[in-house]
C-alpha atoms as a PDB file:
ATOM      1  CA  MET A   1      -5.077 -12.995   1.337  1.00  0.00           C
ATOM      2  CA  LEU A   2      -4.845  -9.460   0.040  1.00  0.00           C
ATOM      3  CA  LEU A   3      -1.656  -7.426   0.255  1.00  0.00           C
ATOM      4  CA  ALA A   4      -1.982  -3.707  -0.341  1.00  0.00           C
ATOM      5  CA  THR A   5       1.118  -1.637   0.300  1.00  0.00           C
ATOM      6  CA  GLN A   6       2.298   1.851  -0.542  1.00  0.00           C
ATOM      7  CA  GLY A   7       5.817   0.934   0.547  1.00  0.00           C
ATOM      8  CA  ASN A   8       8.217  -1.933   0.118  1.00  0.00           C
ATOM      9  CA  TRP A   9       7.255  -5.225   1.789  1.00  0.00           C
ATOM     10  CA  SER A  10       8.904  -8.576   2.531  1.00  0.00           C
ATOM     11  CA  GLY A  11       7.572 -11.724   4.119  1.00  0.00           C
ATOM     12  CA  THR A  12       5.790 -14.825   2.876  1.00  0.00           C
ATOM     13  CA  ILE A  13       2.373 -15.216   1.279  1.00  0.00           C
ATOM     14  CA  TYR A  14       1.560 -18.754   0.090  1.00  0.00           C
ATOM     15  CA  ASN A  15      -0.738 -20.043  -2.678  1.00  0.00           C
ATOM     16  CA  VAL A  16      -1.067 -16.755  -4.586  1.00  0.00           C
ATOM     17  CA  GLN A  17      -3.338 -17.001  -7.620  1.00  0.00           C
ATOM     18  CA  SER A  18      -3.124 -13.466  -9.058  1.00  0.00           C
ATOM     19  CA  THR A  19      -1.257 -10.190  -8.712  1.00  0.00           C
ATOM     20  CA  PHE A  20      -1.813  -6.710 -10.088  1.00  0.00           C
ATOM     21  CA  ASN A  21      -0.454  -3.200  -9.685  1.00  0.00           C
ATOM     22  CA  ASN A  22      -3.286  -0.697  -9.421  1.00  0.00           C
ATOM     23  CA  GLY A  23      -0.929   2.192  -8.802  1.00  0.00           C
ATOM     24  CA  TYR A  24      -0.813   5.480 -10.678  1.00  0.00           C
ATOM     25  CA  PRO A  25       1.823   7.271 -12.756  1.00  0.00           C
ATOM     26  CA  ASP A  26       4.676   8.418 -10.515  1.00  0.00           C
ATOM     27  CA  PRO A  27       8.088   8.689 -12.202  1.00  0.00           C
ATOM     28  CA  GLY A  28      10.626   6.585 -10.359  1.00  0.00           C
ATOM     29  CA  ALA A  29       8.080   4.764  -8.176  1.00  0.00           C
ATOM     30  CA  ASP A  30       5.128   3.373 -10.141  1.00  0.00           C
ATOM     31  CA  HIS A  31       6.293  -0.135 -11.036  1.00  0.00           C
ATOM     32  CA  VAL A  32       6.554  -3.114  -8.674  1.00  0.00           C
ATOM     33  CA  GLN A  33       9.431  -5.611  -8.522  1.00  0.00           C
ATOM     34  CA  LEU A  34       7.867  -8.870  -7.320  1.00  0.00           C
ATOM     35  CA  GLU A  35      10.112 -11.594  -5.901  1.00  0.00           C
ATOM     36  CA  TYR A  36       8.434 -14.996  -5.748  1.00  0.00           C
ATOM     37  CA  GLU A  37       8.973 -18.751  -5.702  1.00  0.00           C
ATOM     38  CA  ALA A  38       7.315 -21.442  -7.796  1.00  0.00           C
ATOM     39  CA  SER A  39       8.100 -25.138  -7.406  1.00  0.00           C
ATOM     40  CA  GLY A  40      11.119 -24.247  -5.253  1.00  0.00           C
ATOM     41  CA  VAL A  41      12.666 -21.901  -7.859  1.00  0.00           C
ATOM     42  CA  LYS A  42      13.106 -18.169  -7.170  1.00  0.00           C
ATOM     43  CA  TYR A  43      11.924 -15.623  -9.749  1.00  0.00           C
ATOM     44  CA  SER A  44      11.619 -11.860 -10.111  1.00  0.00           C
ATOM     45  CA  ILE A  45       9.257  -9.888 -12.336  1.00  0.00           C
ATOM     46  CA  CYS A  46       8.548  -6.190 -12.831  1.00  0.00           C
ATOM     47  CA  ILE A  47       4.849  -5.310 -12.931  1.00  0.00           C
ATOM     48  CA  HIS A  48       3.629  -2.117 -14.639  1.00  0.00           C
ATOM     49  CA  TYR A  49       0.903   0.088 -13.188  1.00  0.00           C
ATOM     50  CA  ALA A  50      -2.725   0.161 -14.368  1.00  0.00           C
ATOM     51  CA  PRO A  51      -4.234  -1.053 -17.647  1.00  0.00           C
ATOM     52  CA  GLY A  52      -2.678   0.362 -20.800  1.00  0.00           C
ATOM     53  CA  SER A  53       0.802   0.804 -19.341  1.00  0.00           C
ATOM     54  CA  GLY A  54       2.050  -2.742 -19.958  1.00  0.00           C
ATOM     55  CA  GLN A  55       1.550  -6.040 -18.160  1.00  0.00           C
ATOM     56  CA  TYR A  56      -0.084  -4.976 -14.883  1.00  0.00           C
ATOM     57  CA  GLU A  57      -1.963  -8.186 -14.010  1.00  0.00           C
ATOM     58  CA  HIS A  58      -0.734 -11.782 -13.745  1.00  0.00           C
ATOM     59  CA  HIS A  59      -2.514 -15.063 -13.023  1.00  0.00           C
ATOM     60  CA  TRP A  60      -0.465 -17.717 -11.243  1.00  0.00           C
ATOM     61  CA  ASN A  61      -0.640 -21.323 -10.120  1.00  0.00           C
ATOM     62  CA  ASN A  62       0.042 -21.170  -6.369  1.00  0.00           C
ATOM     63  CA  ILE A  63       3.208 -19.073  -6.187  1.00  0.00           C
ATOM     64  CA  THR A  64       4.767 -17.872  -2.929  1.00  0.00           C
ATOM     65  CA  ILE A  65       5.403 -14.131  -2.769  1.00  0.00           C
ATOM     66  CA  LYS A  66       8.569 -13.146  -0.897  1.00  0.00           C
ATOM     67  CA  SER A  67       8.856  -9.383  -1.467  1.00  0.00           C
ATOM     68  CA  VAL A  68       7.404  -6.341  -3.188  1.00  0.00           C
ATOM     69  CA  ARG A  69       9.598  -3.363  -4.008  1.00  0.00           C
ATOM     70  CA  TRP A  70       8.383  -0.156  -5.655  1.00  0.00           C
ATOM     71  CA  ARG A  71      10.655   1.073  -8.420  1.00  0.00           C
ATOM     72  CA  GLY A  72      10.903   3.110 -11.606  1.00  0.00           C
ATOM     73  CA  GLU A  73      10.425   1.921 -15.167  1.00  0.00           C
ATOM     74  CA  CYS A  74      11.008  -1.794 -15.885  1.00  0.00           C
END
């Protein structure tokens, strides 16, 4: 399943294998706060935008995404 959103999102997406932020520079709104679960444990990670700006891509082992929130710098 592919989730593409320009706004905040919440719900449930199972068995996610990878995530990335292909956004663009926008002060105050170009990073993504990703809330997810793995093996029944809740986690949160901030994902930078585009290559060269930090960690923008992650590879996972079947995580469950619970929400995506756009934000400023991590």
